[in-house]
Amino acid sequence: MRNGFDPNAQDERGWTALIWLVRMHDKHTRKRKKIFRWLIQAGADIEYRTKGDEGLLELAKGCCSKGFYRFLRSEYQRLSR
């Protein structure tokens, strides 16, 4: 947590800022990638699961663009090493 910001803060469903970012339906892939990287640098947990036991990639599948999903998969593999 830096400057009072907790990147892993959860809402009532257990969603974090990373999950909200992944679930957004828009065409701003480049901006979303930058925000994703910023959240990771701020300490966001890529392994986090919601209260419904859903992971980041599970939530992203089918809801975001193919390009952003490929980016997420790549980042997940890179960060999970």
C-alpha atoms as a PDB file:
ATOM      1  CA  MET A   1       0.000   0.000   0.000  1.00  0.00           C
ATOM      2  CA  ARG A   2       1.459   3.304  -1.073  1.00  0.00           C
ATOM      3  CA  ASN A   3      -0.044   6.746  -0.388  1.00  0.00           C
ATOM      4  CA  GLY A   4      -3.039   5.130   1.302  1.00  0.00           C
ATOM      5  CA  PHE A   5      -4.012   3.188  -1.830  1.00  0.00           C
ATOM      6  CA  ASP A   6      -4.608  -0.537  -1.371  1.00  0.00           C
ATOM      7  CA  PRO A   7      -4.520  -2.192  -4.833  1.00  0.00           C
ATOM      8  CA  ASN A   8      -6.090  -5.323  -3.328  1.00  0.00           C
ATOM      9  CA  ALA A   9      -9.051  -3.606  -1.669  1.00  0.00           C
ATOM     10  CA  GLN A  10     -12.252  -5.537  -2.345  1.00  0.00           C
ATOM     11  CA  ASP A  11     -15.833  -4.578  -2.984  1.00  0.00           C
ATOM     12  CA  GLU A  12     -18.831  -6.588  -1.740  1.00  0.00           C
ATOM     13  CA  ARG A  13     -18.264  -9.263  -4.420  1.00  0.00           C
ATOM     14  CA  GLY A  14     -14.606  -9.531  -3.600  1.00  0.00           C
ATOM     15  CA  TRP A  15     -13.564  -7.718  -6.766  1.00  0.00           C
ATOM     16  CA  THR A  16     -10.329  -5.740  -6.747  1.00  0.00           C
ATOM     17  CA  ALA A  17      -9.171  -2.930  -9.044  1.00  0.00           C
ATOM     18  CA  LEU A  18      -7.471  -5.527 -11.292  1.00  0.00           C
ATOM     19  CA  ILE A  19     -10.697  -7.470 -11.660  1.00  0.00           C
ATOM     20  CA  TRP A  20     -12.681  -4.327 -12.454  1.00  0.00           C
ATOM     21  CA  LEU A  21     -10.072  -3.391 -15.057  1.00  0.00           C
ATOM     22  CA  VAL A  22     -10.295  -6.823 -16.681  1.00  0.00           C
ATOM     23  CA  ARG A  23     -14.091  -6.791 -16.732  1.00  0.00           C
ATOM     24  CA  MET A  24     -14.350  -3.386 -18.439  1.00  0.00           C
ATOM     25  CA  HIS A  25     -15.975  -3.474 -21.860  1.00  0.00           C
ATOM     26  CA  ASP A  26     -14.167  -0.876 -23.937  1.00  0.00           C
ATOM     27  CA  LYS A  27     -11.744  -0.504 -26.791  1.00  0.00           C
ATOM     28  CA  HIS A  28      -8.969   1.278 -24.875  1.00  0.00           C
ATOM     29  CA  THR A  29      -6.586  -1.678 -24.777  1.00  0.00           C
ATOM     30  CA  ARG A  30      -3.387   0.390 -24.675  1.00  0.00           C
ATOM     31  CA  LYS A  31      -4.611   2.415 -21.677  1.00  0.00           C
ATOM     32  CA  ARG A  32      -5.838  -0.733 -19.925  1.00  0.00           C
ATOM     33  CA  LYS A  33      -2.407  -2.342 -20.332  1.00  0.00           C
ATOM     34  CA  LYS A  34      -0.764   0.705 -18.747  1.00  0.00           C
ATOM     35  CA  ILE A  35      -3.224   0.656 -15.842  1.00  0.00           C
ATOM     36  CA  PHE A  36      -2.711  -3.101 -15.414  1.00  0.00           C
ATOM     37  CA  ARG A  37       1.061  -2.624 -15.170  1.00  0.00           C
ATOM     38  CA  TRP A  38       0.643   0.284 -12.761  1.00  0.00           C
ATOM     39  CA  LEU A  39      -1.603  -1.816 -10.497  1.00  0.00           C
ATOM     40  CA  ILE A  40       0.925  -4.675 -10.527  1.00  0.00           C
ATOM     41  CA  GLN A  41       3.733  -2.246  -9.610  1.00  0.00           C
ATOM     42  CA  ALA A  42       1.524  -0.911  -6.809  1.00  0.00           C
ATOM     43  CA  GLY A  43       1.246  -4.435  -5.389  1.00  0.00           C
ATOM     44  CA  ALA A  44      -1.945  -5.823  -6.917  1.00  0.00           C
ATOM     45  CA  ASP A  45      -2.151  -9.600  -6.482  1.00  0.00           C
ATOM     46  CA  ILE A  46      -2.582 -11.363  -9.821  1.00  0.00           C
ATOM     47  CA  GLU A  47      -3.379 -14.640  -8.026  1.00  0.00           C
ATOM     48  CA  TYR A  48      -6.340 -13.154  -6.160  1.00  0.00           C
ATOM     49  CA  ARG A  49      -9.663 -15.017  -6.382  1.00  0.00           C
ATOM     50  CA  THR A  50     -13.111 -13.499  -5.865  1.00  0.00           C
ATOM     51  CA  LYS A  51     -15.598 -14.635  -3.238  1.00  0.00           C
ATOM     52  CA  GLY A  52     -17.042 -16.834  -5.988  1.00  0.00           C
ATOM     53  CA  ASP A  53     -13.575 -18.470  -6.357  1.00  0.00           C
ATOM     54  CA  GLU A  54     -12.974 -16.980  -9.811  1.00  0.00           C
ATOM     55  CA  GLY A  55      -9.493 -16.026 -10.933  1.00  0.00           C
ATOM     56  CA  LEU A  56      -8.417 -13.132 -13.091  1.00  0.00           C
ATOM     57  CA  LEU A  57      -8.139 -15.120 -16.323  1.00  0.00           C
ATOM     58  CA  GLU A  58     -11.456 -16.882 -15.726  1.00  0.00           C
ATOM     59  CA  LEU A  59     -13.180 -13.533 -15.331  1.00  0.00           C
ATOM     60  CA  ALA A  60     -11.458 -12.096 -18.389  1.00  0.00           C
ATOM     61  CA  LYS A  61     -12.317 -14.938 -20.740  1.00  0.00           C
ATOM     62  CA  GLY A  62     -15.134 -13.935 -23.038  1.00  0.00           C
ATOM     63  CA  CYS A  63     -15.543 -10.399 -21.733  1.00  0.00           C
ATOM     64  CA  CYS A  64     -12.569  -8.481 -23.054  1.00  0.00           C
ATOM     65  CA  SER A  65     -10.987  -8.192 -26.464  1.00  0.00           C
ATOM     66  CA  LYS A  66      -8.868 -11.069 -27.743  1.00  0.00           C
ATOM     67  CA  GLY A  67      -5.809  -8.808 -27.773  1.00  0.00           C
ATOM     68  CA  PHE A  68      -6.242  -7.779 -24.150  1.00  0.00           C
ATOM     69  CA  TYR A  69      -6.944 -11.373 -23.113  1.00  0.00           C
ATOM     70  CA  ARG A  70      -3.705 -12.515 -24.808  1.00  0.00           C
ATOM     71  CA  PHE A  71      -1.878  -9.714 -22.982  1.00  0.00           C
ATOM     72  CA  LEU A  72      -3.358 -10.867 -19.653  1.00  0.00           C
ATOM     73  CA  ARG A  73      -2.431 -14.484 -20.284  1.00  0.00           C
ATOM     74  CA  SER A  74       1.116 -13.459 -21.149  1.00  0.00           C
ATOM     75  CA  GLU A  75       1.448 -11.219 -18.084  1.00  0.00           C
ATOM     76  CA  TYR A  76      -0.053 -13.901 -15.842  1.00  0.00           C
ATOM     77  CA  GLN A  77       2.501 -16.446 -17.059  1.00  0.00           C
ATOM     78  CA  ARG A  78       5.352 -13.961 -16.690  1.00  0.00           C
ATOM     79  CA  LEU A  79       4.344 -12.890 -13.180  1.00  0.00           C
ATOM     80  CA  SER A  80       3.540 -16.404 -11.942  1.00  0.00           C
ATOM     81  CA  ARG A  81       7.095 -17.685 -12.465  1.00  0.00           C
END
